Amino acid sequence: MFSRRLLAGSMAAGAAMLLGACGGGTGNTNTSPILVGITGPFTGAYADPGIAIRNAGELAISDINAAGGINGRKLQAVPEDDACDAQQGTQAAEKLLTEKIVAIVGGYCSGASIPESDILHRSGDLPFITAASSNPKFTEQGYDNVFRMVSRDDAEGPADVSFIKQFLKASRIAIMHDNTTYAKGLADSAKQAAQASGMTVTYFDAITPGQKDYTAALVKVGTGNPDALFYTGYYPEFGLLAKEYVSLSPSYKLDGDSADVDPSVIKVAGAALTNPGITITTLPTTEFIHNAKNDKFTSEYQSKYGGAPGDYSSYEYDGMMALAQALKNDGGKTDAKSLNAAIHAVKISDGITGSIAFDNKGDRPAPEFLAVHAVGNPPAFQPIAIRQNGTWVASS
């Protein structure tokens, strides 16, 4: 980084010439890159959505820089793998701090993002805009430096349950999670919403991620005679559950959540996802957003990375744009206090994922929710219902 020092005596004239040549009459001109961390699972079971988040963040930075950057400075991505693990997430955040980042824009699993937010909070309140971590705790810690691009689990849980009750005609519901921070939080929210709506919860238990067979768990679910099973974990396990569900052909229906609609679930489940008893409820992830900006983003992403963006790629892209807007609005200041205030003040009316603004906790207004079903060969998801203003209506 270029650093100016006041020179004394005979060097004063040379210093003045140097300042003039750099166009900085105040001596504060800085052309070094602004470093932005990107965290997520770049290895392990959830690497596909993590890498897609990283790619989207880097693509956003490329677009920001092509448009002139921030007051003459370029943004530069500094990715760090957190593997969706709390300990590795802590280490990732600590390493990024040594790299002198000004903020993190990323995060997939709440179980890693929450510890990362603790490190940033304790180390000077550097901003953390998460693309996908939805556990309420992330923005309920009383921190001023946390922001979320997606809806919270305590908004998604009631929406999912209302679909299961209204569209799947279920009065008895089984709820299965995987004990991760995200899945358990969503399951708790769903259980509370189901009971409040008068539904009977016949089963509430966890499976262990990474196992090769969940048949016994599905059989156990069936002993309670539910009308539907709601699974709140991630796509690798949901894909396997879907295959075993089809093999067992139980009387109940199977519904997944927004972590299950990832394109990689098709690699796991294949044609099983087209079973009429299987649905997924989700927020509008990248493939279900239809506007010119998302079309342009998707085309650029495919051209650069040779494949479709992931579920939360558009939220990462918009999160990076929100950070850039905050930096521009505040004259390029990168100190944490100024930057947090500037992010809280961001208002973007035409983001890929809709209007972008944050409340005092760092949350956005909750988006719409969708229900999707897989059709075709190879399978592809299509919306079957949409929730607007609290009511589910069939998709046209």
Protein backbone atom coordinates (compact mmCIF):
# COMPACT_ATOMS: atom_id res chain seq x y z
CA MET A 1 0.00 0.00 0.00
CA PHE A 2 1.31 3.45 -0.93
CA SER A 3 1.96 5.50 2.23
CA ARG A 4 2.72 9.21 2.31
CA ARG A 5 5.08 10.67 4.86
CA LEU A 6 5.64 14.32 5.53
CA LEU A 7 9.12 15.23 4.48
CA ALA A 8 11.18 17.95 6.09
CA GLY A 9 13.76 20.44 4.94
CA SER A 10 14.98 20.26 1.39
CA MET A 11 12.62 17.38 0.49
CA ALA A 12 9.44 19.44 1.00
CA ALA A 13 9.34 20.61 -2.61
CA GLY A 14 9.73 17.04 -3.85
CA ALA A 15 6.84 15.96 -1.64
CA ALA A 16 4.63 18.66 -3.10
CA MET A 17 5.47 17.53 -6.61
CA LEU A 18 4.68 13.93 -5.67
CA LEU A 19 1.29 14.90 -4.27
CA GLY A 20 0.46 16.88 -7.37
CA ALA A 21 1.43 14.05 -9.68
CA CYS A 22 -0.84 11.67 -7.79
CA GLY A 23 -3.76 14.08 -7.94
CA GLY A 24 -4.13 14.22 -4.17
CA GLY A 25 -3.90 17.66 -2.72
CA THR A 26 -4.83 16.30 0.72
CA GLY A 27 -2.20 13.58 0.74
CA ASN A 28 -4.85 10.85 1.19
CA THR A 29 -5.00 9.40 -2.31
CA ASN A 30 -5.09 5.61 -2.11
CA THR A 31 -5.13 3.40 -5.16
CA SER A 32 -4.53 0.07 -3.45
CA PRO A 33 -7.28 -2.58 -3.81
CA ILE A 34 -10.07 -2.84 -1.27
CA LEU A 35 -9.99 -6.42 0.01
CA VAL A 36 -13.30 -8.20 0.56
CA GLY A 37 -13.52 -11.65 2.14
CA ILE A 38 -15.78 -14.36 0.75
CA THR A 39 -16.50 -17.33 3.00
CA GLY A 40 -18.38 -20.53 2.30
CA PRO A 41 -17.87 -24.28 1.89
CA PHE A 42 -15.45 -24.60 -1.00
CA THR A 43 -14.66 -28.20 -0.08
CA GLY A 44 -16.71 -31.01 1.42
CA ALA A 45 -20.32 -32.10 1.08
CA TYR A 46 -21.69 -28.60 0.42
CA ALA A 47 -18.95 -27.39 -1.91
CA ASP A 48 -21.23 -26.93 -4.94
CA PRO A 49 -23.33 -24.07 -3.49
CA GLY A 50 -20.29 -22.66 -1.69
CA ILE A 51 -18.23 -22.44 -4.87
CA ALA A 52 -21.23 -20.94 -6.67
CA ILE A 53 -21.41 -18.22 -4.00
CA ARG A 54 -17.68 -17.56 -4.34
CA ASN A 55 -17.97 -17.35 -8.12
CA ALA A 56 -20.88 -14.93 -7.92
CA GLY A 57 -19.01 -12.68 -5.52
CA GLU A 58 -15.99 -12.61 -7.80
CA LEU A 59 -18.21 -11.90 -10.81
CA ALA A 60 -19.84 -8.99 -8.97
CA ILE A 61 -16.41 -7.60 -8.11
CA SER A 62 -15.40 -7.88 -11.76
CA ASP A 63 -18.50 -5.93 -12.79
CA ILE A 64 -17.95 -3.30 -10.08
CA ASN A 65 -14.34 -2.80 -11.15
CA ALA A 66 -15.30 -2.63 -14.84
CA ALA A 67 -17.70 0.19 -13.95
CA GLY A 68 -14.92 2.22 -12.33
CA GLY A 69 -14.51 0.60 -8.94
CA ILE A 70 -14.78 2.66 -5.74
CA ASN A 71 -13.40 6.19 -6.03
CA GLY A 72 -10.60 4.99 -8.26
CA ARG A 73 -9.88 1.86 -6.22
CA LYS A 74 -10.60 -1.70 -7.27
CA LEU A 75 -12.25 -4.35 -5.14
CA GLN A 76 -10.37 -7.61 -4.71
CA ALA A 77 -11.86 -10.90 -3.51
CA VAL A 78 -10.14 -12.89 -0.76
CA PRO A 79 -11.93 -16.27 -0.56
CA GLU A 80 -11.55 -18.51 2.48
CA ASP A 81 -13.05 -21.98 2.89
CA ASP A 82 -15.13 -22.49 6.05
CA ALA A 83 -16.37 -25.98 5.06
CA CYS A 84 -19.70 -25.25 6.81
CA ASP A 85 -17.91 -25.99 10.07
CA ALA A 86 -17.88 -23.77 13.17
CA GLN A 87 -14.20 -24.28 14.01
CA GLN A 88 -13.02 -23.91 10.44
CA GLY A 89 -15.28 -20.88 10.07
CA THR A 90 -13.61 -19.27 13.08
CA GLN A 91 -10.20 -19.98 11.58
CA ALA A 92 -11.32 -18.61 8.21
CA ALA A 93 -12.49 -15.35 9.76
CA GLU A 94 -9.28 -14.98 11.76
CA LYS A 95 -7.18 -15.57 8.66
CA LEU A 96 -9.17 -13.03 6.66
CA LEU A 97 -8.56 -10.44 9.37
CA THR A 98 -4.81 -10.91 8.91
CA GLU A 99 -5.35 -10.23 5.20
CA LYS A 100 -6.71 -6.77 6.11
CA ILE A 101 -10.14 -7.24 4.57
CA VAL A 102 -12.73 -4.50 5.07
CA ALA A 103 -15.77 -6.83 5.11
CA ILE A 104 -17.03 -10.33 4.34
CA VAL A 105 -19.74 -10.97 1.76
CA GLY A 106 -20.59 -14.67 1.65
CA GLY A 107 -21.49 -17.50 3.97
CA TYR A 108 -23.72 -20.51 3.37
CA CYS A 109 -24.18 -22.56 6.54
CA SER A 110 -25.37 -20.65 9.60
CA GLY A 111 -23.30 -22.99 11.77
CA ALA A 112 -20.15 -21.45 10.28
CA SER A 113 -21.37 -17.91 9.62
CA ILE A 114 -22.47 -17.25 13.20
CA PRO A 115 -19.02 -18.01 14.70
CA GLU A 116 -17.46 -15.97 11.90
CA SER A 117 -19.68 -13.03 12.84
CA ASP A 118 -18.48 -13.35 16.45
CA ILE A 119 -14.85 -13.03 15.33
CA LEU A 120 -15.59 -9.96 13.21
CA HIS A 121 -17.59 -8.38 16.04
CA ARG A 122 -14.83 -8.89 18.59
CA SER A 123 -12.18 -7.67 16.17
CA GLY A 124 -13.52 -4.23 15.41
CA ASP A 125 -17.02 -4.84 14.04
CA LEU A 126 -16.02 -5.44 10.43
CA PRO A 127 -19.19 -5.85 8.32
CA PHE A 128 -20.46 -9.30 7.38
CA ILE A 129 -23.15 -9.54 4.69
CA THR A 130 -24.29 -13.16 4.46
CA ALA A 131 -25.65 -14.44 1.18
CA ALA A 132 -27.45 -17.51 2.49
CA SER A 133 -27.21 -18.03 6.27
CA SER A 134 -30.78 -17.86 7.53
CA ASN A 135 -30.72 -18.82 11.22
CA PRO A 136 -32.29 -15.93 13.18
CA LYS A 137 -29.37 -15.82 15.63
CA PHE A 138 -27.13 -14.32 12.95
CA THR A 139 -28.94 -10.98 13.22
CA GLU A 140 -30.30 -11.40 16.75
CA GLN A 141 -26.95 -11.08 18.54
CA GLY A 142 -27.22 -7.34 18.97
CA TYR A 143 -24.31 -6.72 16.60
CA ASP A 144 -24.29 -3.65 14.37
CA ASN A 145 -22.07 -5.28 11.74
CA VAL A 146 -24.23 -8.16 10.45
CA PHE A 147 -26.52 -8.11 7.40
CA ARG A 148 -28.53 -10.83 5.68
CA MET A 149 -29.59 -11.12 2.05
CA VAL A 150 -32.11 -13.99 2.46
CA SER A 151 -35.17 -14.50 4.61
CA ARG A 152 -34.88 -15.81 8.16
CA ASP A 153 -35.83 -19.31 9.23
CA ASP A 154 -38.58 -17.94 11.45
CA ALA A 155 -40.16 -16.50 8.29
CA GLU A 156 -39.54 -19.57 6.13
CA GLY A 157 -40.79 -22.12 8.67
CA PRO A 158 -44.35 -20.75 8.89
CA ALA A 159 -44.46 -20.29 5.10
CA ASP A 160 -43.39 -23.89 4.51
CA VAL A 161 -45.91 -25.24 7.00
CA SER A 162 -48.72 -23.20 5.49
CA PHE A 163 -47.97 -24.77 2.10
CA ILE A 164 -47.97 -28.25 3.60
CA LYS A 165 -51.28 -27.60 5.29
CA GLN A 166 -52.99 -25.75 2.45
CA PHE A 167 -51.62 -27.46 -0.68
CA LEU A 168 -50.67 -30.90 0.60
CA LYS A 169 -53.85 -31.04 2.68
CA ALA A 170 -51.93 -32.23 5.71
CA SER A 171 -53.27 -32.06 9.24
CA ARG A 172 -50.60 -34.38 10.67
CA ILE A 173 -46.97 -33.46 10.02
CA ALA A 174 -43.63 -35.16 10.72
CA ILE A 175 -40.56 -32.91 10.92
CA MET A 176 -37.03 -34.19 10.36
CA HIS A 177 -33.78 -32.21 10.62
CA ASP A 178 -30.05 -32.96 10.79
CA ASN A 179 -29.08 -31.11 14.00
CA THR A 180 -27.10 -28.43 12.14
CA THR A 181 -27.72 -24.86 13.23
CA TYR A 182 -29.72 -24.06 10.12
CA ALA A 183 -31.79 -27.24 9.97
CA LYS A 184 -32.60 -27.40 13.70
CA GLY A 185 -33.59 -23.72 13.75
CA LEU A 186 -35.91 -24.15 10.78
CA ALA A 187 -37.37 -27.33 12.25
CA ASP A 188 -38.11 -25.58 15.55
CA SER A 189 -39.79 -22.73 13.68
CA ALA A 190 -41.84 -25.19 11.61
CA LYS A 191 -42.91 -27.14 14.68
CA GLN A 192 -44.08 -23.99 16.43
CA ALA A 193 -45.98 -22.85 13.33
CA ALA A 194 -47.58 -26.27 12.83
CA GLN A 195 -48.82 -26.47 16.39
CA ALA A 196 -50.07 -22.88 16.28
CA SER A 197 -52.07 -23.70 13.15
CA GLY A 198 -53.76 -26.69 14.78
CA MET A 199 -51.70 -29.40 13.08
CA THR A 200 -50.53 -32.48 14.94
CA VAL A 201 -46.76 -33.03 14.98
CA THR A 202 -46.35 -36.81 14.84
CA TYR A 203 -42.55 -36.93 14.70
CA PHE A 204 -39.71 -34.52 15.49
CA ASP A 205 -36.22 -35.97 15.29
CA ALA A 206 -32.85 -35.75 13.58
CA ILE A 207 -30.82 -37.87 11.19
CA THR A 208 -27.03 -37.82 10.97
CA PRO A 209 -25.69 -36.13 7.84
CA GLY A 210 -23.43 -38.16 5.60
CA GLN A 211 -24.93 -41.58 6.20
CA LYS A 212 -25.63 -43.92 3.28
CA ASP A 213 -29.12 -45.07 4.23
CA TYR A 214 -32.07 -43.39 5.94
CA THR A 215 -34.66 -46.08 5.26
CA ALA A 216 -35.08 -46.88 8.97
CA ALA A 217 -35.82 -43.21 9.72
CA LEU A 218 -38.44 -43.03 6.97
CA VAL A 219 -40.08 -46.21 8.26
CA LYS A 220 -40.13 -44.77 11.78
CA VAL A 221 -41.76 -41.59 10.45
CA GLY A 222 -44.52 -43.73 8.95
CA THR A 223 -45.45 -45.31 12.29
CA GLY A 224 -46.96 -41.98 13.35
CA ASN A 225 -49.28 -41.90 10.32
CA PRO A 226 -48.41 -38.37 9.17
CA ASP A 227 -49.87 -36.82 6.06
CA ALA A 228 -46.53 -35.22 5.20
CA LEU A 229 -42.87 -35.29 6.19
CA PHE A 230 -41.04 -31.95 6.16
CA TYR A 231 -37.25 -32.26 5.95
CA THR A 232 -35.28 -29.16 6.95
CA GLY A 233 -31.71 -30.25 6.22
CA TYR A 234 -29.44 -29.93 3.19
CA TYR A 235 -29.66 -31.32 -0.34
CA PRO A 236 -27.28 -34.33 -0.11
CA GLU A 237 -29.44 -35.99 2.52
CA PHE A 238 -32.70 -34.87 0.92
CA GLY A 239 -31.62 -36.42 -2.38
CA LEU A 240 -31.01 -39.75 -0.67
CA LEU A 241 -34.24 -39.47 1.31
CA ALA A 242 -36.12 -38.85 -1.94
CA LYS A 243 -34.71 -42.01 -3.54
CA GLU A 244 -35.54 -44.11 -0.50
CA TYR A 245 -38.98 -42.50 -0.20
CA VAL A 246 -39.79 -43.59 -3.74
CA SER A 247 -38.51 -47.09 -3.00
CA LEU A 248 -40.65 -47.39 0.13
CA SER A 249 -43.72 -45.71 -1.40
CA PRO A 250 -45.16 -44.58 1.97
CA SER A 251 -48.61 -43.05 2.35
CA TYR A 252 -47.26 -39.64 3.40
CA LYS A 253 -45.87 -36.90 1.16
CA LEU A 254 -42.32 -35.51 1.32
CA ASP A 255 -41.48 -31.81 1.29
CA GLY A 256 -38.01 -30.26 1.43
CA ASP A 257 -36.82 -26.74 2.21
CA SER A 258 -34.77 -24.07 0.47
CA ALA A 259 -31.48 -25.90 1.13
CA ASP A 260 -32.81 -28.84 -0.91
CA VAL A 261 -33.58 -27.14 -4.21
CA ASP A 262 -29.90 -26.75 -5.06
CA PRO A 263 -29.20 -28.05 -8.60
CA SER A 264 -26.86 -30.65 -7.09
CA VAL A 265 -29.80 -32.47 -5.49
CA ILE A 266 -30.63 -33.78 -8.97
CA LYS A 267 -27.21 -35.44 -9.08
CA VAL A 268 -28.13 -37.34 -5.92
CA ALA A 269 -31.81 -38.14 -6.43
CA GLY A 270 -32.20 -38.19 -10.20
CA ALA A 271 -35.61 -39.24 -11.48
CA ALA A 272 -36.87 -39.90 -7.94
CA LEU A 273 -37.52 -36.17 -7.60
CA THR A 274 -40.26 -36.37 -10.22
CA ASN A 275 -42.36 -38.57 -7.91
CA PRO A 276 -45.70 -36.75 -7.45
CA GLY A 277 -45.40 -37.03 -3.68
CA ILE A 278 -42.22 -34.91 -3.52
CA THR A 279 -42.16 -31.11 -3.37
CA ILE A 280 -39.75 -28.45 -2.13
CA THR A 281 -40.67 -25.11 -0.58
CA THR A 282 -38.11 -22.35 -1.09
CA LEU A 283 -37.50 -18.66 -1.36
CA PRO A 284 -36.96 -17.37 -4.91
CA THR A 285 -33.49 -18.76 -5.56
CA THR A 286 -31.52 -17.87 -8.68
CA GLU A 287 -33.17 -20.23 -11.15
CA PHE A 288 -36.65 -19.01 -10.19
CA ILE A 289 -35.93 -15.28 -10.48
CA HIS A 290 -37.15 -13.91 -13.79
CA ASN A 291 -35.97 -10.42 -14.66
CA ALA A 292 -33.53 -8.86 -17.09
CA LYS A 293 -30.81 -8.40 -14.48
CA ASN A 294 -30.90 -12.05 -13.43
CA ASP A 295 -30.91 -13.15 -17.07
CA LYS A 296 -27.79 -11.04 -17.70
CA PHE A 297 -26.13 -12.31 -14.53
CA THR A 298 -26.92 -15.94 -15.38
CA SER A 299 -25.55 -15.53 -18.89
CA GLU A 300 -22.34 -13.93 -17.61
CA TYR A 301 -21.95 -16.61 -14.95
CA GLN A 302 -22.42 -19.45 -17.44
CA SER A 303 -19.97 -17.86 -19.85
CA LYS A 304 -17.29 -17.38 -17.19
CA TYR A 305 -17.70 -20.58 -15.17
CA GLY A 306 -19.17 -23.03 -17.67
CA GLY A 307 -22.27 -23.92 -15.69
CA ALA A 308 -25.42 -22.53 -14.13
CA PRO A 309 -25.19 -20.38 -10.99
CA GLY A 310 -26.21 -21.90 -7.67
CA ASP A 311 -29.28 -21.21 -5.58
CA TYR A 312 -27.79 -18.29 -3.69
CA SER A 313 -25.51 -16.89 -6.36
CA SER A 314 -27.85 -13.98 -7.08
CA TYR A 315 -28.01 -13.12 -3.36
CA GLU A 316 -24.21 -13.09 -3.18
CA TYR A 317 -24.04 -10.87 -6.26
CA ASP A 318 -26.56 -8.44 -4.78
CA GLY A 319 -24.77 -8.50 -1.42
CA MET A 320 -21.52 -7.47 -3.08
CA MET A 321 -23.37 -4.71 -4.95
CA ALA A 322 -24.82 -3.49 -1.63
CA LEU A 323 -21.31 -3.28 -0.16
CA ALA A 324 -20.08 -1.39 -3.22
CA GLN A 325 -23.00 1.03 -3.00
CA ALA A 326 -22.25 1.66 0.68
CA LEU A 327 -18.60 2.35 -0.08
CA LYS A 328 -19.51 4.77 -2.88
CA ASN A 329 -22.17 6.55 -0.83
CA ASP A 330 -19.69 7.14 1.99
CA GLY A 331 -16.89 8.44 -0.17
CA GLY A 332 -14.90 5.23 -0.15
CA LYS A 333 -14.39 5.11 3.63
CA THR A 334 -13.43 1.61 4.73
CA ASP A 335 -13.28 1.93 8.51
CA ALA A 336 -15.78 -0.42 10.13
CA LYS A 337 -17.89 2.21 11.89
CA SER A 338 -18.42 4.28 8.74
CA LEU A 339 -18.98 1.24 6.56
CA ASN A 340 -21.56 -0.36 8.86
CA ALA A 341 -23.53 2.87 8.97
CA ALA A 342 -23.35 3.15 5.19
CA ILE A 343 -24.59 -0.43 4.69
CA HIS A 344 -27.51 0.21 7.04
CA ALA A 345 -28.39 3.20 4.84
CA VAL A 346 -28.20 1.32 1.52
CA LYS A 347 -31.31 1.45 -0.64
CA ILE A 348 -31.24 -0.30 -4.02
CA SER A 349 -34.56 -0.50 -5.82
CA ASP A 350 -33.61 -2.82 -8.65
CA GLY A 351 -31.36 -5.61 -7.42
CA ILE A 352 -31.50 -9.04 -9.00
CA THR A 353 -33.32 -10.29 -5.90
CA GLY A 354 -35.56 -7.24 -5.61
CA SER A 355 -35.21 -4.09 -3.57
CA ILE A 356 -32.35 -4.11 -1.08
CA ALA A 357 -32.50 -2.39 2.28
CA PHE A 358 -31.73 -3.48 5.83
CA ASP A 359 -33.58 -2.93 9.08
CA ASN A 360 -31.82 -2.04 12.33
CA LYS A 361 -30.93 -5.70 12.90
CA GLY A 362 -29.54 -6.16 9.41
CA ASP A 363 -32.42 -8.14 7.88
CA ARG A 364 -34.19 -7.44 4.59
CA PRO A 365 -37.97 -7.55 4.22
CA ALA A 366 -38.93 -11.21 3.69
CA PRO A 367 -39.21 -12.21 0.03
CA GLU A 368 -41.92 -14.29 -1.53
CA PHE A 369 -41.83 -18.06 -1.15
CA LEU A 370 -42.29 -20.73 -3.80
CA ALA A 371 -43.17 -24.40 -3.92
CA VAL A 372 -41.57 -26.42 -6.71
CA HIS A 373 -41.71 -29.91 -8.16
CA ALA A 374 -39.29 -31.68 -10.49
CA VAL A 375 -40.47 -32.74 -13.94
CA GLY A 376 -38.93 -34.12 -17.11
CA ASN A 377 -35.95 -36.23 -18.05
CA PRO A 378 -33.46 -35.04 -16.97
CA PRO A 379 -35.42 -33.58 -14.04
CA ALA A 380 -35.81 -29.84 -13.71
CA PHE A 381 -37.70 -27.85 -11.11
CA GLN A 382 -40.77 -25.83 -11.93
CA PRO A 383 -42.90 -23.71 -9.59
CA ILE A 384 -46.29 -25.09 -8.62
CA ALA A 385 -47.36 -22.44 -6.09
CA ILE A 386 -46.28 -19.03 -4.85
CA ARG A 387 -46.92 -17.32 -1.52
CA GLN A 388 -47.77 -13.65 -1.70
CA ASN A 389 -48.97 -11.53 1.20
CA GLY A 390 -49.32 -14.61 3.38
CA THR A 391 -51.45 -16.65 0.95
CA TRP A 392 -50.44 -19.52 -1.33
CA VAL A 393 -51.77 -19.49 -4.88
CA ALA A 394 -51.17 -21.97 -7.69
CA SER A 395 -48.57 -20.92 -10.25
CA SER A 396 -49.91 -20.29 -13.73
